[in-house]
Amino acid sequence: MRRERVSNDIYVFTSDLYAQVTASAVVTREGITVIDTLPFPEETRSMIEFLEGLGRGSIRYLINTHWHGDHTYGAFLFEGVQLVGHQLCADALPELGASVLEESQETSSELEEVELRVPDITFDEGDMLLHLGGKSLQMVLTPGHTHDSTVVYVKEDKVLLAADTVMPLPYFVWGSREQFIASLERVLVEFNMDSIVQGHGEVLLRGEIQATIQSSIRYLEVLYNKVMRVIEDDGGIEALQNIDIESCGKSRIPLNGLVQDLHEANVYALYQRMTDGDQS
């Protein structure tokens, strides 16, 4: 697990075991708020141990940004900590997360002890604002990666804890391409950001933010046009192999090449939806 600070009071923890997943912590004089967990219990335990050793108070809140296991599997380790999330996340964890966890536990002994937790505190209409120790954490629903995807904006630090709403390649197999574009456009307009903590990969600094998000929006638009062309030309599913990641404006290098797999999944998911009459 790699640890870094993006401001005096915000720490980012990056998994060495799976896809450079990130979790974050906002440290205040009245306690700590953690945003997401790491995939494997050993990494989440190390994160908790570090935070408790800071001498800055106890962990008061844990926020789930969305239901995916690589961001939620460590929640059971936060005993006595209130778990916060969107109502859509609270609905999706037992409906979708339970079966995915069961499948993961069959192939990974490291996950055998994991037990799903559902948020104790939820919000549904509008945004949610959490105040703690002079910090204001604004939770905003930004669907696209999943329907329950949420970002957390720390106003005083101008840091967006974006989870998988911002990552090296927008991945929408569990969500909606159209909603993803709208959410990314909202992020650019609504928040004054000095940095963005992506759900996977490196922290984005102020000078990188505009170009990176615009690149993801273009990717989602170009991908749609290329898949549409295959359908209009009756190219069949075999023709999708010609839609490589570079032709859509992205590199296959980030996340140790995992983005190539994510891209291929995007391509086939979008083709299936479009041939079924769903344009999202």
Protein backbone atom coordinates (compact mmCIF):
# COMPACT_ATOMS: atom_id res chain seq x y z
CA MET A 1 0.00 0.00 0.00
CA ARG A 2 1.32 3.43 -0.97
CA ARG A 3 0.49 6.51 1.12
CA GLU A 4 0.68 10.19 0.18
CA ARG A 5 -0.73 13.55 1.24
CA VAL A 6 -2.58 15.79 -1.17
CA SER A 7 -3.01 18.54 1.42
CA ASN A 8 -2.11 19.03 5.06
CA ASP A 9 -5.19 17.11 6.18
CA ILE A 10 -5.96 14.66 3.38
CA TYR A 11 -4.21 11.33 2.95
CA VAL A 12 -4.52 8.99 -0.03
CA PHE A 13 -3.85 5.25 0.18
CA THR A 14 -3.23 3.27 -3.01
CA SER A 15 -3.47 -0.51 -3.24
CA ASP A 16 -0.45 -2.46 -4.43
CA LEU A 17 -2.54 -5.61 -4.71
CA TYR A 18 -5.34 -4.62 -7.10
CA ALA A 19 -5.62 -2.08 -9.91
CA GLN A 20 -4.11 0.86 -7.96
CA VAL A 21 -7.41 1.39 -6.13
CA THR A 22 -7.44 4.43 -3.87
CA ALA A 23 -9.02 5.25 -0.53
CA SER A 24 -8.73 8.60 1.26
CA ALA A 25 -8.96 10.12 4.72
CA VAL A 26 -9.79 13.67 5.80
CA VAL A 27 -8.18 14.33 9.18
CA THR A 28 -9.57 17.04 11.47
CA ARG A 29 -9.25 18.16 15.08
CA GLU A 30 -12.56 16.44 15.86
CA GLY A 31 -11.83 13.13 14.17
CA ILE A 32 -11.35 11.47 10.82
CA THR A 33 -13.60 10.76 7.84
CA VAL A 34 -12.50 7.92 5.55
CA ILE A 35 -13.67 7.75 1.96
CA ASP A 36 -13.80 4.19 0.61
CA THR A 37 -11.68 1.23 1.69
CA LEU A 38 -9.06 -0.85 -0.07
CA PRO A 39 -9.97 -4.21 -1.63
CA PHE A 40 -8.16 -6.61 0.70
CA PRO A 41 -8.49 -6.64 4.50
CA GLU A 42 -4.74 -6.56 5.12
CA GLU A 43 -4.43 -3.23 3.30
CA THR A 44 -7.46 -1.70 4.99
CA ARG A 45 -6.14 -2.79 8.40
CA SER A 46 -2.83 -1.06 7.63
CA MET A 47 -4.71 2.10 6.66
CA ILE A 48 -6.74 2.06 9.88
CA GLU A 49 -3.63 1.44 11.98
CA PHE A 50 -1.88 4.43 10.41
CA LEU A 51 -4.84 6.75 10.91
CA GLU A 52 -5.36 5.72 14.52
CA GLY A 53 -1.66 6.30 15.14
CA LEU A 54 -1.81 9.93 14.05
CA GLY A 55 -3.15 11.02 17.42
CA ARG A 56 -5.76 13.21 15.73
CA GLY A 57 -8.84 11.55 17.15
CA SER A 58 -10.89 8.54 16.20
CA ILE A 59 -12.35 7.58 12.84
CA ARG A 60 -15.87 9.01 12.98
CA TYR A 61 -17.29 8.35 9.52
CA LEU A 62 -16.71 6.07 6.54
CA ILE A 63 -18.20 7.09 3.17
CA ASN A 64 -19.04 4.60 0.41
CA THR A 65 -18.75 6.25 -3.00
CA HIS A 66 -20.39 3.31 -4.80
CA TRP A 67 -21.14 -0.37 -4.31
CA HIS A 68 -18.18 -1.99 -6.08
CA GLY A 69 -16.23 -4.36 -3.86
CA ASP A 70 -12.79 -2.91 -4.52
CA HIS A 71 -14.03 0.22 -2.69
CA THR A 72 -16.30 -1.37 -0.05
CA TYR A 73 -14.91 -4.73 1.08
CA GLY A 74 -12.99 -3.21 4.00
CA ALA A 75 -16.03 -1.53 5.56
CA PHE A 76 -16.63 -4.37 8.02
CA LEU A 77 -13.32 -3.52 9.73
CA PHE A 78 -14.54 -0.06 10.82
CA GLU A 79 -16.26 -1.16 14.01
CA GLY A 80 -18.36 1.52 15.67
CA VAL A 81 -17.89 3.88 12.72
CA GLN A 82 -20.97 5.30 11.00
CA LEU A 83 -21.15 4.32 7.34
CA VAL A 84 -22.49 6.97 4.96
CA GLY A 85 -23.61 6.60 1.34
CA HIS A 86 -26.25 7.37 -1.22
CA GLN A 87 -29.49 5.43 -0.94
CA LEU A 88 -28.76 3.88 -4.33
CA CYS A 89 -25.57 2.45 -2.86
CA ALA A 90 -27.46 1.08 0.13
CA ASP A 91 -29.86 -0.60 -2.29
CA ALA A 92 -27.16 -1.95 -4.62
CA LEU A 93 -24.92 -3.55 -1.99
CA PRO A 94 -27.35 -6.32 -1.00
CA GLU A 95 -28.88 -6.57 -4.48
CA LEU A 96 -25.66 -6.73 -6.51
CA GLY A 97 -22.71 -6.67 -4.15
CA ALA A 98 -23.61 -9.83 -2.22
CA SER A 99 -23.51 -12.12 -5.26
CA VAL A 100 -20.31 -10.52 -6.58
CA LEU A 101 -18.64 -10.98 -3.18
CA GLU A 102 -19.67 -14.62 -3.05
CA GLU A 103 -18.08 -15.22 -6.46
CA SER A 104 -14.92 -13.36 -5.41
CA GLN A 105 -14.59 -15.37 -2.21
CA GLU A 106 -14.61 -18.58 -4.23
CA THR A 107 -11.46 -17.52 -6.07
CA SER A 108 -9.66 -15.40 -3.43
CA SER A 109 -8.92 -16.74 0.05
CA GLU A 110 -7.93 -13.21 1.14
CA LEU A 111 -11.60 -12.20 0.94
CA GLU A 112 -13.07 -15.09 2.95
CA GLU A 113 -13.53 -12.97 6.10
CA VAL A 114 -15.23 -10.05 4.30
CA GLU A 115 -18.79 -9.23 5.32
CA LEU A 116 -20.81 -6.62 3.46
CA ARG A 117 -21.93 -3.52 5.33
CA VAL A 118 -24.79 -1.32 4.15
CA PRO A 119 -24.68 2.44 4.91
CA ASP A 120 -26.28 3.49 8.21
CA ILE A 121 -26.76 7.08 7.04
CA THR A 122 -28.05 7.72 3.52
CA PHE A 123 -29.13 10.61 1.34
CA ASP A 124 -31.41 10.56 -1.67
CA GLU A 125 -32.59 13.98 -2.82
CA GLY A 126 -29.87 16.49 -3.74
CA ASP A 127 -26.41 16.53 -2.16
CA MET A 128 -25.32 15.74 1.39
CA LEU A 129 -22.97 17.96 3.40
CA LEU A 130 -20.96 16.49 6.25
CA HIS A 131 -19.29 18.96 8.64
CA LEU A 132 -16.52 17.77 10.94
CA GLY A 133 -13.69 19.68 12.59
CA GLY A 134 -13.80 22.68 10.29
CA LYS A 135 -14.05 20.61 7.12
CA SER A 136 -17.06 20.53 4.78
CA LEU A 137 -17.44 17.34 2.76
CA GLN A 138 -19.99 17.66 -0.03
CA MET A 139 -21.29 14.35 -1.36
CA VAL A 140 -22.70 14.57 -4.89
CA LEU A 141 -24.32 11.84 -6.97
CA THR A 142 -22.42 11.52 -10.28
CA PRO A 143 -23.81 8.48 -12.10
CA GLY A 144 -22.02 6.92 -15.02
CA HIS A 145 -19.49 4.41 -13.74
CA THR A 146 -22.37 2.99 -11.71
CA HIS A 147 -25.82 4.42 -11.09
CA ASP A 148 -24.91 5.14 -7.45
CA SER A 149 -21.48 6.71 -8.08
CA THR A 150 -20.74 9.61 -5.76
CA VAL A 151 -17.90 12.10 -5.42
CA VAL A 152 -16.81 13.89 -2.25
CA TYR A 153 -15.60 17.49 -2.47
CA VAL A 154 -13.57 18.91 0.42
CA LYS A 155 -14.26 22.62 0.06
CA GLU A 156 -11.57 24.00 2.35
CA ASP A 157 -8.82 22.03 0.58
CA LYS A 158 -10.23 22.29 -2.97
CA VAL A 159 -9.75 18.54 -3.32
CA LEU A 160 -12.21 16.28 -5.14
CA LEU A 161 -12.24 12.68 -3.92
CA ALA A 162 -13.73 11.43 -7.16
CA ALA A 163 -13.63 7.64 -6.81
CA ASP A 164 -14.40 5.95 -10.13
CA THR A 165 -16.16 8.96 -11.60
CA VAL A 166 -12.62 10.02 -12.54
CA MET A 167 -10.11 7.33 -13.48
CA PRO A 168 -7.57 6.86 -16.30
CA LEU A 169 -10.31 5.37 -18.49
CA PRO A 170 -14.04 5.93 -17.92
CA TYR A 171 -15.60 2.49 -17.39
CA PHE A 172 -19.38 2.29 -17.72
CA VAL A 173 -20.26 -1.42 -18.01
CA TRP A 174 -22.22 -1.18 -14.73
CA GLY A 175 -23.56 2.28 -15.49
CA SER A 176 -24.38 4.63 -18.36
CA ARG A 177 -22.19 6.28 -20.97
CA GLU A 178 -24.55 9.24 -21.37
CA GLN A 179 -24.80 9.83 -17.63
CA PHE A 180 -21.02 9.57 -17.39
CA ILE A 181 -20.57 12.43 -19.85
CA ALA A 182 -23.06 14.59 -17.93
CA SER A 183 -21.34 13.84 -14.62
CA LEU A 184 -17.86 14.66 -15.96
CA GLU A 185 -19.15 17.93 -17.41
CA ARG A 186 -20.71 18.74 -14.03
CA VAL A 187 -17.42 18.08 -12.24
CA LEU A 188 -15.63 20.59 -14.48
CA VAL A 189 -18.27 23.28 -13.97
CA GLU A 190 -19.22 22.85 -10.32
CA PHE A 191 -15.97 22.38 -8.39
CA ASN A 192 -12.95 24.62 -7.90
CA MET A 193 -10.24 21.98 -7.67
CA ASP A 194 -6.55 22.04 -6.86
CA SER A 195 -6.38 18.26 -7.19
CA ILE A 196 -8.49 15.20 -7.90
CA VAL A 197 -8.01 11.83 -6.25
CA GLN A 198 -8.96 9.29 -8.90
CA GLY A 199 -10.58 6.00 -7.94
CA HIS A 200 -7.62 4.21 -9.53
CA GLY A 201 -4.17 5.56 -10.33
CA GLU A 202 -2.34 8.81 -9.74
CA VAL A 203 -3.62 12.02 -8.17
CA LEU A 204 -4.41 14.71 -10.75
CA LEU A 205 -3.00 18.17 -10.09
CA ARG A 206 -4.62 21.45 -11.08
CA GLY A 207 -2.80 21.75 -14.41
CA GLU A 208 -3.89 18.26 -15.48
CA ILE A 209 -7.54 18.32 -14.50
CA GLN A 210 -9.18 20.10 -17.45
CA ALA A 211 -7.33 18.15 -20.14
CA THR A 212 -7.78 14.80 -18.41
CA ILE A 213 -11.53 15.11 -17.94
CA GLN A 214 -12.05 16.51 -21.43
CA SER A 215 -10.08 13.53 -22.75
CA SER A 216 -12.47 11.16 -20.97
CA ILE A 217 -15.51 12.97 -22.38
CA ARG A 218 -14.05 12.74 -25.89
CA TYR A 219 -13.32 9.04 -25.38
CA LEU A 220 -16.96 8.37 -24.51
CA GLU A 221 -18.15 10.32 -27.55
CA VAL A 222 -15.65 8.82 -30.01
CA LEU A 223 -16.34 5.30 -28.78
CA TYR A 224 -20.07 5.78 -29.39
CA ASN A 225 -19.45 7.02 -32.95
CA LYS A 226 -17.16 4.10 -33.75
CA VAL A 227 -19.57 1.49 -32.44
CA MET A 228 -22.42 3.19 -34.32
CA ARG A 229 -20.39 2.99 -37.52
CA VAL A 230 -19.87 -0.75 -37.03
CA ILE A 231 -23.62 -1.23 -36.57
CA GLU A 232 -24.54 0.93 -39.58
CA ASP A 233 -22.04 -0.94 -41.76
CA ASP A 234 -23.35 -4.33 -40.58
CA GLY A 235 -19.83 -5.15 -39.54
CA GLY A 236 -20.89 -7.61 -36.88
CA ILE A 237 -19.34 -8.22 -33.51
CA GLU A 238 -16.01 -9.23 -35.09
CA ALA A 239 -15.51 -5.68 -36.37
CA LEU A 240 -15.39 -4.40 -32.79
CA GLN A 241 -11.82 -5.72 -32.56
CA ASN A 242 -10.78 -2.82 -34.80
CA ILE A 243 -11.86 -0.25 -32.20
CA ASP A 244 -8.64 -0.06 -30.24
CA ILE A 245 -8.10 2.19 -27.25
CA GLU A 246 -5.68 4.51 -29.04
CA SER A 247 -8.15 5.22 -31.83
CA CYS A 248 -10.50 6.53 -29.11
CA GLY A 249 -7.85 8.90 -27.76
CA LYS A 250 -6.63 6.98 -24.72
CA SER A 251 -3.41 5.14 -23.84
CA ARG A 252 -3.26 1.47 -22.89
CA ILE A 253 -0.39 2.05 -20.45
CA PRO A 254 -2.11 3.25 -17.21
CA LEU A 255 -2.95 0.82 -14.39
CA ASN A 256 -0.29 -1.56 -15.72
CA GLY A 257 -2.31 -2.11 -18.87
CA LEU A 258 -5.62 -2.89 -17.15
CA VAL A 259 -7.26 -0.03 -19.06
CA GLN A 260 -7.09 -2.13 -22.20
CA ASP A 261 -9.35 -4.74 -20.60
CA LEU A 262 -11.71 -2.00 -19.40
CA HIS A 263 -11.84 -0.52 -22.90
CA GLU A 264 -12.71 -3.86 -24.48
CA ALA A 265 -15.48 -4.37 -21.93
CA ASN A 266 -16.83 -0.89 -22.73
CA VAL A 267 -16.84 -1.64 -26.45
CA TYR A 268 -18.79 -4.89 -26.20
CA ALA A 269 -21.20 -3.58 -23.57
CA LEU A 270 -22.02 -0.52 -25.69
CA TYR A 271 -22.47 -2.63 -28.83
CA GLN A 272 -24.87 -4.93 -27.01
CA ARG A 273 -26.91 -2.02 -25.65
CA MET A 274 -27.07 -0.23 -28.99
CA THR A 275 -28.14 -3.32 -30.90
CA ASP A 276 -30.81 -3.81 -28.23
CA GLY A 277 -32.02 -0.26 -28.82
CA ASP A 278 -30.39 1.33 -25.74
CA GLN A 279 -28.19 4.31 -26.66
CA SER A 280 -26.65 4.78 -23.17
